[in-house]
Amino acid sequence: MIVMDKPFSPACERNREPIADVIDPLFADIESVLEIGSGTGQHAVYFGARMLHLVWQTSDLPNNHHGIHQWLEEAALPNVLPPLSLDVDDESWPVQRFDAVFTANTLHIVSWPSVQNMFAGISRLLDEDGLFCVYGPFRYGARHTSESNARFDASLRSHDPHSGIREIGAVLELARGVSLAMTADHAMPANNRLLVFSKTAR
């Protein structure tokens, strides 16, 4: 069934293949992934179609669920599940465990306390050696990696002073505090990165 007037993100369309090229081998032997902030649902159906061996669980705030449902209904993939209601600042996170968690372009949208809550919640969901993959722009040594990222950061902060591109050092320190160790930092197109973390023993 073709669903008309679905929400559409040009950025998702551009970055889905480079992201999939990185996470495909990482997710080769896992069974379940939770996506935090599924947005339009475009990533979920693309990655789910490429990785039919795993179950891809979408999630987002309720106001985004309708658009995600539209993409899922059109794709009709048995391994991509309807969205859970997930607010990273709410204590009612999913009770089930996941082998991996994925999120794209969320850390610079939410506030830093929300980033902290997200990392803490992800750590609770993952068993030892579980993976967390996060895609988006980051600053290194308090410097932007490009002039376009600097302009993007300024635009974000002008609309919401609590948002903004995160400093990699702060993210790594936060991760270590909740038993997540970065194992890879992949350069991606359009001055983005894909960070890979592994859950360590406490």
C-alpha atoms as a PDB file:
ATOM      1  CA  MET A   1       0.000   0.000   0.000  1.00  0.00           C
ATOM      2  CA  ILE A   2       1.360   3.417  -0.991  1.00  0.00           C
ATOM      3  CA  VAL A   3       0.811   5.992   1.754  1.00  0.00           C
ATOM      4  CA  MET A   4       0.466   9.542   0.481  1.00  0.00           C
ATOM      5  CA  ASP A   5       1.762  12.650   2.259  1.00  0.00           C
ATOM      6  CA  LYS A   6       4.111  10.830   4.582  1.00  0.00           C
ATOM      7  CA  PRO A   7       6.542  13.002   6.544  1.00  0.00           C
ATOM      8  CA  PHE A   8       9.839  13.173   4.686  1.00  0.00           C
ATOM      9  CA  SER A   9      13.338  14.118   5.794  1.00  0.00           C
ATOM     10  CA  PRO A  10      15.861  14.881   3.017  1.00  0.00           C
ATOM     11  CA  ALA A  11      18.682  14.401   5.554  1.00  0.00           C
ATOM     12  CA  CYS A  12      17.492  10.850   6.309  1.00  0.00           C
ATOM     13  CA  GLU A  13      17.399  10.115   2.607  1.00  0.00           C
ATOM     14  CA  ARG A  14      20.985  11.346   2.195  1.00  0.00           C
ATOM     15  CA  ASN A  15      22.580   9.742   5.234  1.00  0.00           C
ATOM     16  CA  ARG A  16      20.787   6.385   5.443  1.00  0.00           C
ATOM     17  CA  GLU A  17      23.166   4.489   3.143  1.00  0.00           C
ATOM     18  CA  PRO A  18      26.435   5.730   4.719  1.00  0.00           C
ATOM     19  CA  ILE A  19      25.041   4.939   8.178  1.00  0.00           C
ATOM     20  CA  ALA A  20      23.897   1.488   7.090  1.00  0.00           C
ATOM     21  CA  ASP A  21      27.325   0.738   5.625  1.00  0.00           C
ATOM     22  CA  VAL A  22      28.801   1.247   9.105  1.00  0.00           C
ATOM     23  CA  ILE A  23      26.157  -0.459  11.237  1.00  0.00           C
ATOM     24  CA  ASP A  24      25.511  -3.440   8.933  1.00  0.00           C
ATOM     25  CA  PRO A  25      28.591  -5.374  10.089  1.00  0.00           C
ATOM     26  CA  LEU A  26      28.174  -4.212  13.699  1.00  0.00           C
ATOM     27  CA  PHE A  27      24.627  -5.580  13.834  1.00  0.00           C
ATOM     28  CA  ALA A  28      25.350  -8.776  11.893  1.00  0.00           C
ATOM     29  CA  ASP A  29      25.055 -11.049  14.934  1.00  0.00           C
ATOM     30  CA  ILE A  30      22.452  -9.260  17.011  1.00  0.00           C
ATOM     31  CA  GLU A  31      18.726  -9.848  17.281  1.00  0.00           C
ATOM     32  CA  SER A  32      17.146  -6.613  18.526  1.00  0.00           C
ATOM     33  CA  VAL A  33      17.714  -2.859  18.134  1.00  0.00           C
ATOM     34  CA  LEU A  34      15.923   0.023  19.806  1.00  0.00           C
ATOM     35  CA  GLU A  35      15.918   3.234  17.791  1.00  0.00           C
ATOM     36  CA  ILE A  36      15.525   6.348  19.949  1.00  0.00           C
ATOM     37  CA  GLY A  37      13.947   9.278  18.127  1.00  0.00           C
ATOM     38  CA  SER A  38      12.710   7.476  15.013  1.00  0.00           C
ATOM     39  CA  GLY A  39      11.421  10.781  13.617  1.00  0.00           C
ATOM     40  CA  THR A  40       9.764  10.199  10.264  1.00  0.00           C
ATOM     41  CA  GLY A  41      10.416   6.437  10.319  1.00  0.00           C
ATOM     42  CA  GLN A  42      12.613   6.539   7.198  1.00  0.00           C
ATOM     43  CA  HIS A  43      15.700   5.135   8.902  1.00  0.00           C
ATOM     44  CA  ALA A  44      13.708   2.321  10.471  1.00  0.00           C
ATOM     45  CA  VAL A  45      12.293   0.997   7.205  1.00  0.00           C
ATOM     46  CA  TYR A  46      15.583   1.352   5.324  1.00  0.00           C
ATOM     47  CA  PHE A  47      17.700  -0.339   7.977  1.00  0.00           C
ATOM     48  CA  GLY A  48      15.017  -2.935   8.672  1.00  0.00           C
ATOM     49  CA  ALA A  49      14.897  -3.904   4.991  1.00  0.00           C
ATOM     50  CA  ARG A  50      18.686  -4.237   4.882  1.00  0.00           C
ATOM     51  CA  MET A  51      18.893  -6.216   8.132  1.00  0.00           C
ATOM     52  CA  LEU A  52      16.007  -8.656   7.987  1.00  0.00           C
ATOM     53  CA  HIS A  53      17.671 -10.926  10.555  1.00  0.00           C
ATOM     54  CA  LEU A  54      16.968  -8.506  13.422  1.00  0.00           C
ATOM     55  CA  VAL A  55      13.965  -6.829  15.034  1.00  0.00           C
ATOM     56  CA  TRP A  56      14.047  -3.027  14.767  1.00  0.00           C
ATOM     57  CA  GLN A  57      11.969  -1.339  17.477  1.00  0.00           C
ATOM     58  CA  THR A  58      11.020   2.248  16.695  1.00  0.00           C
ATOM     59  CA  SER A  59      10.338   4.843  19.400  1.00  0.00           C
ATOM     60  CA  ASP A  60       9.623   8.542  19.708  1.00  0.00           C
ATOM     61  CA  LEU A  61       7.391  11.076  21.371  1.00  0.00           C
ATOM     62  CA  PRO A  62       3.693  10.406  20.654  1.00  0.00           C
ATOM     63  CA  ASN A  63       3.303  13.386  18.301  1.00  0.00           C
ATOM     64  CA  ASN A  64       5.664  11.675  15.817  1.00  0.00           C
ATOM     65  CA  HIS A  65       3.962   8.287  15.889  1.00  0.00           C
ATOM     66  CA  HIS A  66       1.494   8.951  13.065  1.00  0.00           C
ATOM     67  CA  GLY A  67       4.234   9.614  10.539  1.00  0.00           C
ATOM     68  CA  ILE A  68       6.234   6.586  11.656  1.00  0.00           C
ATOM     69  CA  HIS A  69       3.133   4.412  11.287  1.00  0.00           C
ATOM     70  CA  GLN A  70       2.688   5.688   7.721  1.00  0.00           C
ATOM     71  CA  TRP A  71       6.204   4.619   6.725  1.00  0.00           C
ATOM     72  CA  LEU A  72       5.853   1.269   8.486  1.00  0.00           C
ATOM     73  CA  GLU A  73       2.493   0.526   6.886  1.00  0.00           C
ATOM     74  CA  GLU A  74       3.845   1.212   3.408  1.00  0.00           C
ATOM     75  CA  ALA A  75       7.007  -0.866   3.916  1.00  0.00           C
ATOM     76  CA  ALA A  76       5.113  -3.747   5.599  1.00  0.00           C
ATOM     77  CA  LEU A  77       8.289  -5.194   7.087  1.00  0.00           C
ATOM     78  CA  PRO A  78       7.665  -7.935   9.663  1.00  0.00           C
ATOM     79  CA  ASN A  79      10.839  -7.079  11.570  1.00  0.00           C
ATOM     80  CA  VAL A  80      10.164  -3.345  12.099  1.00  0.00           C
ATOM     81  CA  LEU A  81       7.851  -2.731  15.056  1.00  0.00           C
ATOM     82  CA  PRO A  82       5.399   0.128  15.690  1.00  0.00           C
ATOM     83  CA  PRO A  83       6.776   2.948  17.825  1.00  0.00           C
ATOM     84  CA  LEU A  84       6.997   2.880  21.574  1.00  0.00           C
ATOM     85  CA  SER A  85       6.294   6.130  23.409  1.00  0.00           C
ATOM     86  CA  LEU A  86       9.690   7.156  24.740  1.00  0.00           C
ATOM     87  CA  ASP A  87      10.594  10.431  26.391  1.00  0.00           C
ATOM     88  CA  VAL A  88      14.213  10.226  27.560  1.00  0.00           C
ATOM     89  CA  ASP A  89      13.347  12.451  30.554  1.00  0.00           C
ATOM     90  CA  ASP A  90      10.574  10.114  31.694  1.00  0.00           C
ATOM     91  CA  GLU A  91      11.384   7.241  34.032  1.00  0.00           C
ATOM     92  CA  SER A  92       9.041   4.849  32.166  1.00  0.00           C
ATOM     93  CA  TRP A  93      11.584   3.446  29.719  1.00  0.00           C
ATOM     94  CA  PRO A  94      10.972   0.075  28.013  1.00  0.00           C
ATOM     95  CA  VAL A  95      11.441  -2.836  30.405  1.00  0.00           C
ATOM     96  CA  GLN A  96      12.730  -5.241  27.757  1.00  0.00           C
ATOM     97  CA  ARG A  97      16.417  -5.608  26.981  1.00  0.00           C
ATOM     98  CA  PHE A  98      17.959  -4.853  23.582  1.00  0.00           C
ATOM     99  CA  ASP A  99      21.180  -5.998  21.964  1.00  0.00           C
ATOM    100  CA  ALA A 100      21.812  -2.540  20.534  1.00  0.00           C
ATOM    101  CA  VAL A 101      20.483   1.018  20.572  1.00  0.00           C
ATOM    102  CA  PHE A 102      20.654   3.465  17.659  1.00  0.00           C
ATOM    103  CA  THR A 103      19.900   7.175  17.539  1.00  0.00           C
ATOM    104  CA  ALA A 104      20.490   9.804  14.864  1.00  0.00           C
ATOM    105  CA  ASN A 105      20.510  13.589  15.143  1.00  0.00           C
ATOM    106  CA  THR A 106      19.101  13.730  18.655  1.00  0.00           C
ATOM    107  CA  LEU A 107      21.926  14.795  20.978  1.00  0.00           C
ATOM    108  CA  HIS A 108      22.105  18.321  19.575  1.00  0.00           C
ATOM    109  CA  ILE A 109      18.314  18.775  19.646  1.00  0.00           C
ATOM    110  CA  VAL A 110      17.594  17.902  23.275  1.00  0.00           C
ATOM    111  CA  SER A 111      19.064  19.611  26.339  1.00  0.00           C
ATOM    112  CA  TRP A 112      22.227  18.370  28.029  1.00  0.00           C
ATOM    113  CA  PRO A 113      20.255  16.975  31.032  1.00  0.00           C
ATOM    114  CA  SER A 114      18.184  15.031  28.482  1.00  0.00           C
ATOM    115  CA  VAL A 115      21.385  13.691  26.897  1.00  0.00           C
ATOM    116  CA  GLN A 116      22.462  12.559  30.365  1.00  0.00           C
ATOM    117  CA  ASN A 117      19.102  10.853  30.920  1.00  0.00           C
ATOM    118  CA  MET A 118      19.337   9.202  27.509  1.00  0.00           C
ATOM    119  CA  PHE A 119      22.742   7.692  28.199  1.00  0.00           C
ATOM    120  CA  ALA A 120      21.658   6.463  31.640  1.00  0.00           C
ATOM    121  CA  GLY A 121      18.538   4.854  30.178  1.00  0.00           C
ATOM    122  CA  ILE A 122      20.468   3.215  27.357  1.00  0.00           C
ATOM    123  CA  SER A 123      22.956   1.739  29.801  1.00  0.00           C
ATOM    124  CA  ARG A 124      20.085   0.174  31.750  1.00  0.00           C
ATOM    125  CA  LEU A 125      18.679  -1.423  28.586  1.00  0.00           C
ATOM    126  CA  LEU A 126      21.915  -3.033  27.415  1.00  0.00           C
ATOM    127  CA  ASP A 127      23.581  -6.186  28.670  1.00  0.00           C
ATOM    128  CA  GLU A 128      27.363  -6.368  28.814  1.00  0.00           C
ATOM    129  CA  ASP A 129      28.870  -5.918  25.320  1.00  0.00           C
ATOM    130  CA  GLY A 130      25.616  -4.391  24.037  1.00  0.00           C
ATOM    131  CA  LEU A 131      26.127  -1.665  21.426  1.00  0.00           C
ATOM    132  CA  PHE A 132      25.062   1.960  21.279  1.00  0.00           C
ATOM    133  CA  CYS A 133      25.480   3.802  17.953  1.00  0.00           C
ATOM    134  CA  VAL A 134      24.897   7.546  17.773  1.00  0.00           C
ATOM    135  CA  TYR A 135      25.000   9.613  14.569  1.00  0.00           C
ATOM    136  CA  GLY A 136      25.325  13.375  14.306  1.00  0.00           C
ATOM    137  CA  PRO A 137      27.703  16.341  14.491  1.00  0.00           C
ATOM    138  CA  PHE A 138      30.154  16.847  17.369  1.00  0.00           C
ATOM    139  CA  ARG A 139      32.747  19.394  18.463  1.00  0.00           C
ATOM    140  CA  TYR A 140      36.330  18.312  19.144  1.00  0.00           C
ATOM    141  CA  GLY A 141      38.488  20.280  21.569  1.00  0.00           C
ATOM    142  CA  ALA A 142      35.707  22.904  21.744  1.00  0.00           C
ATOM    143  CA  ARG A 143      36.113  23.481  17.978  1.00  0.00           C
ATOM    144  CA  HIS A 144      33.635  22.761  15.228  1.00  0.00           C
ATOM    145  CA  THR A 145      34.755  20.426  12.465  1.00  0.00           C
ATOM    146  CA  SER A 146      33.448  22.778   9.759  1.00  0.00           C
ATOM    147  CA  GLU A 147      32.130  26.273   9.203  1.00  0.00           C
ATOM    148  CA  SER A 148      28.724  24.836   8.308  1.00  0.00           C
ATOM    149  CA  ASN A 149      28.562  23.037  11.670  1.00  0.00           C
ATOM    150  CA  ALA A 150      29.413  26.288  13.454  1.00  0.00           C
ATOM    151  CA  ARG A 151      26.536  28.041  11.665  1.00  0.00           C
ATOM    152  CA  PHE A 152      24.204  25.123  12.414  1.00  0.00           C
ATOM    153  CA  ASP A 153      25.161  25.239  16.103  1.00  0.00           C
ATOM    154  CA  ALA A 154      24.526  28.971  16.276  1.00  0.00           C
ATOM    155  CA  SER A 155      21.128  28.479  14.648  1.00  0.00           C
ATOM    156  CA  LEU A 156      20.197  25.729  17.104  1.00  0.00           C
ATOM    157  CA  ARG A 157      21.166  27.822  20.115  1.00  0.00           C
ATOM    158  CA  SER A 158      19.334  30.898  18.813  1.00  0.00           C
ATOM    159  CA  HIS A 159      16.087  28.907  18.817  1.00  0.00           C
ATOM    160  CA  ASP A 160      16.791  26.969  22.023  1.00  0.00           C
ATOM    161  CA  PRO A 161      19.784  27.869  24.201  1.00  0.00           C
ATOM    162  CA  HIS A 162      19.650  24.398  25.784  1.00  0.00           C
ATOM    163  CA  SER A 163      20.322  22.671  22.450  1.00  0.00           C
ATOM    164  CA  GLY A 164      23.530  22.655  20.426  1.00  0.00           C
ATOM    165  CA  ILE A 165      26.291  20.478  19.007  1.00  0.00           C
ATOM    166  CA  ARG A 166      27.900  18.521  21.850  1.00  0.00           C
ATOM    167  CA  GLU A 167      31.559  18.467  22.821  1.00  0.00           C
ATOM    168  CA  ILE A 168      32.994  14.984  22.273  1.00  0.00           C
ATOM    169  CA  GLY A 169      34.973  15.106  25.522  1.00  0.00           C
ATOM    170  CA  ALA A 170      31.838  15.735  27.574  1.00  0.00           C
ATOM    171  CA  VAL A 171      30.005  12.941  25.765  1.00  0.00           C
ATOM    172  CA  LEU A 172      32.824  10.466  26.439  1.00  0.00           C
ATOM    173  CA  GLU A 173      32.984  11.428  30.113  1.00  0.00           C
ATOM    174  CA  LEU A 174      29.219  10.996  30.390  1.00  0.00           C
ATOM    175  CA  ALA A 175      29.411   7.607  28.676  1.00  0.00           C
ATOM    176  CA  ARG A 176      32.153   6.350  30.979  1.00  0.00           C
ATOM    177  CA  GLY A 177      30.011   7.258  33.974  1.00  0.00           C
ATOM    178  CA  VAL A 178      27.285   4.858  32.848  1.00  0.00           C
ATOM    179  CA  SER A 179      29.581   2.001  31.756  1.00  0.00           C
ATOM    180  CA  LEU A 180      29.628   2.810  28.037  1.00  0.00           C
ATOM    181  CA  ALA A 181      33.046   2.773  26.364  1.00  0.00           C
ATOM    182  CA  MET A 182      33.568   4.248  22.893  1.00  0.00           C
ATOM    183  CA  THR A 183      35.033   1.649  20.552  1.00  0.00           C
ATOM    184  CA  ALA A 184      34.914   3.583  17.259  1.00  0.00           C
ATOM    185  CA  ASP A 185      34.479   7.098  15.888  1.00  0.00           C
ATOM    186  CA  HIS A 186      33.595   7.036  12.185  1.00  0.00           C
ATOM    187  CA  ALA A 187      33.836  10.104   9.947  1.00  0.00           C
ATOM    188  CA  MET A 188      30.625  10.478   7.936  1.00  0.00           C
ATOM    189  CA  PRO A 189      29.500  12.689   5.045  1.00  0.00           C
ATOM    190  CA  ALA A 190      28.402  16.286   5.655  1.00  0.00           C
ATOM    191  CA  ASN A 191      30.731  16.720   8.659  1.00  0.00           C
ATOM    192  CA  ASN A 192      28.906  14.195  10.824  1.00  0.00           C
ATOM    193  CA  ARG A 193      30.249  11.324  12.936  1.00  0.00           C
ATOM    194  CA  LEU A 194      29.000   7.904  13.941  1.00  0.00           C
ATOM    195  CA  LEU A 195      30.152   6.963  17.446  1.00  0.00           C
ATOM    196  CA  VAL A 196      30.027   3.357  18.618  1.00  0.00           C
ATOM    197  CA  PHE A 197      29.898   2.498  22.318  1.00  0.00           C
ATOM    198  CA  SER A 198      29.981  -0.883  24.052  1.00  0.00           C
ATOM    199  CA  LYS A 199      28.442  -1.619  27.439  1.00  0.00           C
ATOM    200  CA  THR A 200      31.168  -2.605  29.886  1.00  0.00           C
ATOM    201  CA  ALA A 201      30.988  -4.503  33.154  1.00  0.00           C
ATOM    202  CA  ARG A 202      30.440  -2.248  36.161  1.00  0.00           C
END
